[in-house]
Amino acid sequence: MVNYNNKRFRPVSSSDNSETTSATIFIYKQNESILTSTYSGGNIIEGHLIGIVNENGVINMRYHQVNKKGELMTGTCISTPKINENGKITLYESWQWRSGNLSKGTSILEEI
């Protein structure tokens, strides 16, 4: 299982309907298979996620965040890791808003 504890990630690519930017920083914590994160930056004032990490390191998560417009946004995401040659993790994400317009998108996050 991939261990995400104390790792930090930043988006390097995201769908136009995403609220994250390269200024958004995610700080991951993991206890066994339970993953949590706080995040902020760019268009997001404050965000949190909780997820379950499977034996292949894939994260099934739920998130909620408050954006700069003062809106509370929620969604779901499946995040699949790739371990790079340098040992850093890249996350390939497929997500959907569960508030707002309910649209879907993709993102790529890199460990920093």
Protein backbone atom coordinates (compact mmCIF):
# COMPACT_ATOMS: atom_id res chain seq x y z
CA MET A 1 0.00 0.00 0.00
CA VAL A 2 1.22 3.52 -0.79
CA ASN A 3 1.81 5.61 2.31
CA TYR A 4 0.63 9.20 1.86
CA ASN A 5 1.27 10.33 5.42
CA ASN A 6 2.77 13.85 5.65
CA LYS A 7 3.02 14.18 1.87
CA ARG A 8 2.13 17.44 0.11
CA PHE A 9 0.63 17.72 -3.37
CA ARG A 10 -0.01 20.51 -5.86
CA PRO A 11 -2.20 20.41 -9.01
CA VAL A 12 -0.24 20.56 -12.28
CA SER A 13 -3.27 20.04 -14.53
CA SER A 14 -7.02 20.29 -14.00
CA SER A 15 -10.27 20.55 -15.93
CA ASP A 16 -11.68 24.02 -16.51
CA ASN A 17 -14.53 23.32 -14.07
CA SER A 18 -12.10 22.70 -11.19
CA GLU A 19 -11.55 25.22 -8.40
CA THR A 20 -7.95 24.16 -7.78
CA THR A 21 -4.95 26.01 -9.20
CA SER A 22 -1.19 25.55 -8.96
CA ALA A 23 -1.45 27.63 -5.76
CA THR A 24 -3.64 24.98 -4.05
CA ILE A 25 -1.63 22.83 -1.62
CA PHE A 26 -2.94 19.53 -0.22
CA ILE A 27 -1.41 18.15 3.00
CA TYR A 28 -2.17 14.43 3.37
CA LYS A 29 -2.34 12.40 6.58
CA GLN A 30 -2.82 8.63 6.61
CA ASN A 31 -3.62 6.17 9.41
CA GLU A 32 -3.70 2.62 8.03
CA SER A 33 -6.19 2.78 5.14
CA ILE A 34 -7.84 6.06 6.21
CA LEU A 35 -6.61 9.19 4.45
CA THR A 36 -7.45 12.79 5.37
CA SER A 37 -6.26 16.10 3.98
CA THR A 38 -6.57 19.80 4.50
CA TYR A 39 -6.03 22.09 1.54
CA SER A 40 -6.21 25.74 0.57
CA GLY A 41 -4.83 28.26 -1.89
CA GLY A 42 -5.85 29.81 -5.17
CA ASN A 43 -9.65 29.82 -5.40
CA ILE A 44 -10.10 27.74 -2.24
CA ILE A 45 -10.20 29.30 1.22
CA GLU A 46 -10.43 25.99 3.10
CA GLY A 47 -10.97 22.40 2.08
CA HIS A 48 -10.97 18.92 3.62
CA LEU A 49 -11.10 15.43 2.23
CA ILE A 50 -11.47 11.95 3.65
CA GLY A 51 -10.85 8.74 1.82
CA ILE A 52 -10.00 5.08 1.90
CA VAL A 53 -6.72 3.85 0.38
CA ASN A 54 -6.85 0.38 -1.18
CA GLU A 55 -3.97 -2.12 -1.45
CA ASN A 56 -2.86 -0.55 -4.78
CA GLY A 57 -2.76 2.96 -3.31
CA VAL A 58 -5.95 4.08 -5.09
CA ILE A 59 -7.89 6.60 -3.00
CA ASN A 60 -11.70 6.70 -2.97
CA MET A 61 -12.46 10.08 -1.41
CA ARG A 62 -15.08 12.67 -0.59
CA TYR A 63 -14.25 16.36 -0.32
CA HIS A 64 -15.80 19.64 0.74
CA GLN A 65 -14.44 23.15 0.41
CA VAL A 66 -15.33 26.81 0.68
CA ASN A 67 -14.30 28.87 -2.34
CA LYS A 68 -13.52 32.61 -2.57
CA LYS A 69 -17.16 33.25 -3.57
CA GLY A 70 -18.18 31.94 -0.13
CA GLU A 71 -19.80 28.83 -1.62
CA LEU A 72 -19.67 25.42 0.07
CA MET A 73 -18.80 22.86 -2.62
CA THR A 74 -18.73 19.06 -2.29
CA GLY A 75 -17.63 16.19 -4.48
CA THR A 76 -16.28 12.69 -4.95
CA CYS A 77 -12.97 11.58 -6.44
CA ILE A 78 -10.99 8.47 -7.38
CA SER A 79 -7.25 9.14 -7.26
CA THR A 80 -4.78 6.68 -8.81
CA PRO A 81 -1.08 6.94 -7.94
CA LYS A 82 2.00 6.51 -10.11
CA ILE A 83 5.36 6.27 -8.37
CA ASN A 84 7.93 8.16 -10.43
CA GLU A 85 11.61 7.26 -10.87
CA ASN A 86 12.55 9.89 -8.29
CA GLY A 87 10.23 8.20 -5.73
CA LYS A 88 7.70 11.05 -5.80
CA ILE A 89 4.01 10.31 -6.38
CA THR A 90 1.82 11.63 -9.20
CA LEU A 91 -1.95 11.32 -8.64
CA TYR A 92 -4.33 10.95 -11.59
CA GLU A 93 -7.79 12.00 -10.47
CA SER A 94 -11.28 11.55 -11.84
CA TRP A 95 -13.84 13.57 -9.89
CA GLN A 96 -17.40 14.85 -9.86
CA TRP A 97 -19.05 17.77 -8.14
CA ARG A 98 -21.96 16.73 -5.89
CA SER A 99 -23.03 20.37 -5.57
CA GLY A 100 -23.32 23.17 -8.09
CA ASN A 101 -23.60 21.92 -11.68
CA LEU A 102 -22.69 18.27 -10.86
CA SER A 103 -20.09 18.26 -13.65
CA LYS A 104 -17.17 15.83 -13.91
CA GLY A 105 -13.48 16.49 -14.42
CA THR A 106 -9.92 15.26 -14.14
CA SER A 107 -6.84 16.53 -12.36
CA ILE A 108 -3.19 15.61 -12.00
CA LEU A 109 -1.42 16.31 -8.71
CA GLU A 110 2.30 16.00 -8.09
CA GLU A 111 4.03 15.48 -4.79
CA ILE A 112 6.11 18.49 -3.71
